[in-house]
C-alpha atoms as a PDB file:
ATOM      1  CA  MET A   1       0.194   0.223  -0.008  1.00  0.00           C
ATOM      2  CA  PRO A   2       1.404   2.896  -1.017  1.00  0.00           C
ATOM      3  CA  ILE A   3       1.641   6.403   0.942  1.00  0.00           C
ATOM      4  CA  SER A   4       2.386   9.438  -0.900  1.00  0.00           C
ATOM      5  CA  MET A   5       5.218  12.108   0.108  1.00  0.00           C
ATOM      6  CA  GLU A   6       2.203  14.818   1.385  1.00  0.00           C
ATOM      7  CA  GLU A   7       0.639  11.924   3.522  1.00  0.00           C
ATOM      8  CA  PHE A   8       3.340  10.453   4.843  1.00  0.00           C
ATOM      9  CA  GLU A   9       4.584  14.932   5.606  1.00  0.00           C
ATOM     10  CA  SER A  10       0.826  14.646   7.382  1.00  0.00           C
ATOM     11  CA  LEU A  11       2.278  12.229   9.324  1.00  0.00           C
ATOM     12  CA  VAL A  12       5.177  13.461  10.423  1.00  0.00           C
ATOM     13  CA  SER A  13       3.864  16.740  11.171  1.00  0.00           C
ATOM     14  CA  SER A  14       0.849  14.468  13.545  1.00  0.00           C
ATOM     15  CA  LYS A  15       4.256  13.093  16.201  1.00  0.00           C
ATOM     16  CA  ALA A  16       6.264  14.681  18.627  1.00  0.00           C
ATOM     17  CA  PRO A  17       9.355  16.175  17.179  1.00  0.00           C
ATOM     18  CA  GLY A  18      12.243  13.527  17.056  1.00  0.00           C
ATOM     19  CA  THR A  19       9.670  10.364  17.219  1.00  0.00           C
ATOM     20  CA  PRO A  20      11.028   7.005  15.392  1.00  0.00           C
ATOM     21  CA  LEU A  21      10.462   6.648  11.794  1.00  0.00           C
ATOM     22  CA  PRO A  22       8.846   3.161  12.306  1.00  0.00           C
ATOM     23  CA  GLU A  23       6.414   4.729  14.986  1.00  0.00           C
ATOM     24  CA  ILE A  24       5.354   7.123  12.551  1.00  0.00           C
ATOM     25  CA  LEU A  25       4.790   4.765  10.074  1.00  0.00           C
ATOM     26  CA  GLY A  26       3.968   1.985  12.712  1.00  0.00           C
ATOM     27  CA  VAL A  27       5.869  -0.743  11.444  1.00  0.00           C
ATOM     28  CA  LYS A  28       8.099  -2.923  12.628  1.00  0.00           C
ATOM     29  CA  ALA A  29      11.159  -2.294  10.274  1.00  0.00           C
ATOM     30  CA  VAL A  30      12.354   0.091   7.824  1.00  0.00           C
ATOM     31  CA  TYR A  31      14.250  -0.472   4.720  1.00  0.00           C
ATOM     32  CA  TRP A  32      15.719   2.511   2.769  1.00  0.00           C
ATOM     33  CA  SER A  33      15.700   1.964  -1.386  1.00  0.00           C
ATOM     34  CA  GLY A  34      17.371   4.674  -3.577  1.00  0.00           C
ATOM     35  CA  SER A  35      15.162   3.981  -6.425  1.00  0.00           C
ATOM     36  CA  LEU A  36      11.941   5.235  -4.598  1.00  0.00           C
ATOM     37  CA  ALA A  37      11.532   8.843  -4.453  1.00  0.00           C
ATOM     38  CA  ASP A  38       7.683  10.073  -4.226  1.00  0.00           C
ATOM     39  CA  CYS A  39       6.113   7.592  -2.406  1.00  0.00           C
ATOM     40  CA  ILE A  40       7.061   5.062   1.204  1.00  0.00           C
ATOM     41  CA  TYR A  41       5.509   1.409   0.843  1.00  0.00           C
ATOM     42  CA  LEU A  42       3.882  -0.172   3.682  1.00  0.00           C
ATOM     43  CA  VAL A  43       4.145  -4.033   3.255  1.00  0.00           C
ATOM     44  CA  PRO A  44       2.281  -6.070   5.702  1.00  0.00           C
ATOM     45  CA  ASP A  45       4.049  -9.754   5.885  1.00  0.00           C
ATOM     46  CA  VAL A  46       8.068  -9.020   6.299  1.00  0.00           C
ATOM     47  CA  ILE A  47       9.334 -12.123   7.575  1.00  0.00           C
ATOM     48  CA  GLY A  48       6.168 -12.058   9.736  1.00  0.00           C
ATOM     49  CA  GLU A  49       6.312  -8.341  10.531  1.00  0.00           C
ATOM     50  CA  THR A  50       5.133  -5.432   9.256  1.00  0.00           C
ATOM     51  CA  ALA A  51       7.887  -3.265   7.037  1.00  0.00           C
ATOM     52  CA  ALA A  52       7.692   0.319   5.143  1.00  0.00           C
ATOM     53  CA  ILE A  53      10.194   0.734   2.093  1.00  0.00           C
ATOM     54  CA  VAL A  54      11.492   4.188   2.394  1.00  0.00           C
ATOM     55  CA  PRO A  55      13.251   6.761  -0.495  1.00  0.00           C
ATOM     56  CA  ALA A  56      16.633   6.236   0.984  1.00  0.00           C
ATOM     57  CA  GLY A  57      15.859  10.834   0.484  1.00  0.00           C
ATOM     58  CA  LEU A  58      14.818  10.281   4.238  1.00  0.00           C
ATOM     59  CA  LYS A  59      17.731   8.505   5.410  1.00  0.00           C
ATOM     60  CA  GLN A  60      19.403  11.276   7.001  1.00  0.00           C
ATOM     61  CA  ARG A  61      16.381  12.915   8.389  1.00  0.00           C
ATOM     62  CA  PHE A  62      14.994   9.531  10.089  1.00  0.00           C
ATOM     63  CA  ALA A  63      18.339   7.348  10.410  1.00  0.00           C
ATOM     64  CA  THR A  64      19.288   6.563  13.816  1.00  0.00           C
END
């Protein structure tokens, strides 16, 4: 299920500053993709957990 970057920014703005990306997206794991730029994909079952495939451009902003 894709989430547009506009929807994502709305989610971010509804959370406290410094909230980890997995918590913002409601997932257990985040995977960075160099080929994505305009959306985030939520994947319901990756090795038994929910995951998100996120544009690598957000890594500097959210990677811990």
